[in-house]
Protein backbone atom coordinates (compact mmCIF):
# COMPACT_ATOMS: atom_id res chain seq x y z
CA MET A 1 40.54 47.22 4.52
CA VAL A 2 42.11 47.35 8.20
CA ARG A 3 38.31 47.58 9.52
CA PHE A 4 36.95 44.61 7.48
CA GLY A 5 39.63 42.72 8.83
CA CYS A 6 38.90 43.26 12.62
CA TRP A 7 35.35 42.54 11.94
CA LEU A 8 36.37 39.37 10.43
CA THR A 9 38.13 38.67 13.25
CA VAL A 10 35.91 39.82 15.86
CA PHE A 11 33.03 37.50 13.69
CA GLY A 12 35.54 34.62 14.28
CA VAL A 13 36.25 35.11 17.73
CA GLY A 14 32.31 35.27 18.22
CA PHE A 15 31.58 31.78 16.07
CA LEU A 16 34.45 30.21 18.63
CA ILE A 17 33.04 31.63 21.96
CA LEU A 18 29.34 30.72 21.02
CA ASP A 19 30.76 27.09 20.50
CA LEU A 20 32.65 27.19 23.45
CA THR A 21 29.69 28.15 25.49
CA GLY A 22 26.98 25.76 23.98
CA CYS A 23 24.88 28.41 23.00
CA HIS A 24 22.95 27.61 19.69
CA PRO A 25 21.05 30.34 18.50
CA VAL A 26 18.19 29.55 16.19
CA ALA A 27 19.68 31.97 13.08
CA LEU A 28 23.11 30.00 13.39
CA SER A 29 21.28 26.55 13.49
CA TRP A 30 22.76 26.07 9.44
CA ALA A 31 26.01 26.21 10.71
CA ASP A 32 26.03 24.36 13.97
CA ASP A 33 28.52 21.55 12.93
CA GLN A 34 30.85 24.03 10.90
CA ARG A 35 30.71 26.36 13.42
CA PRO A 36 34.33 26.07 15.03
CA GLY A 37 35.59 25.76 11.29
CA ILE A 38 34.27 29.00 10.16
CA GLY A 39 35.52 30.47 13.28
CA VAL A 40 38.76 29.63 12.94
CA VAL A 41 39.04 30.19 9.45
CA CYS A 42 37.15 33.96 9.72
CA THR A 43 39.76 34.63 12.91
CA LEU A 44 42.29 33.51 10.45
CA LEU A 45 41.46 35.80 7.54
CA GLY A 46 41.16 38.54 9.54
CA LEU A 47 44.12 38.88 11.01
CA VAL A 48 46.01 38.04 7.53
CA ILE A 49 43.97 41.03 6.11
CA VAL A 50 45.20 43.46 9.21
CA VAL A 51 48.28 42.22 9.28
CA GLY A 52 48.96 42.58 5.57
CA ASP A 53 47.32 45.78 5.28
CA LEU A 54 49.90 47.15 7.91
CA ILE A 55 52.71 45.74 5.95
CA MET A 56 51.74 47.35 2.91
CA ASP A 57 51.57 50.32 4.71
CA LYS A 58 54.36 50.25 6.07
CA PHE A 59 55.92 49.68 3.17
CA SER A 60 54.19 51.91 0.64
CA ASP A 61 56.56 54.35 -1.52
CA ASP A 62 54.53 57.50 -0.21
CA GLY A 63 57.96 59.48 -0.03
CA GLU A 64 57.23 59.70 4.01
CA PRO A 65 59.45 58.05 6.04
């Protein structure tokens, strides 16, 4: 789950960087207007998944300290 969260965060930051630099790839032309929003949502969702998984691993009942 941490890998998925990391990839979401990378894609989200990538969307934000593309928007800040003004780069408009043809493959992402469908998301020109929504690119900052998609970047923020992906980044936050990825970070929530990573932190949530780390917290769940910390408090799991495996019997290990």
